[in-house]
Amino acid sequence: MVSMDKERDFEIPHAAVVRILKSVLPPGVQLSKEARTAFSKSAGIFVMYLTAVANDFCRENKRQTLSVQDVFDALKEIDMEDFVEPLENCLAAQRADLQVRKKLKVINTIVVFNASRPLRVLQ
């Protein structure tokens, strides 16, 4: 028998699960506490299973670090290839957003640095 602490290891935080569920369910649909718990545990088990399959790809390639490609290959392996393209698009958008944030941080740093000096007008 699995202890309560071990059972909780399979759970994704309820707040995150509820936020995801509410985003896809029609307005007014209520979730019982048991349903939230079931979704949370199921999501945790799915993540562990996907991780194990991705780890197999990683080991086959004699690496110790899981890559995003391992995750995509694992999704294909478990017949969930329909998720790969949307995830690739999401990852590309996240990378682009990160690049923009880095550029803004550099610009903000330059502005703050220059603001500490008297302003000179060049003619």
Foldseek 3Di string as FASTA:
>chain_A
DDDPVRQCQLFDDLVVQVVVVVVPDDPPDDDDPVRSRVSRNVVSVVVVQLVVQLVVVCVVVPHDDRDVVSSCVSCVVVVNNVVNVVVVVVVVVVVVVVVVVVVVVVVVVVVVVCVVDDDDDDD
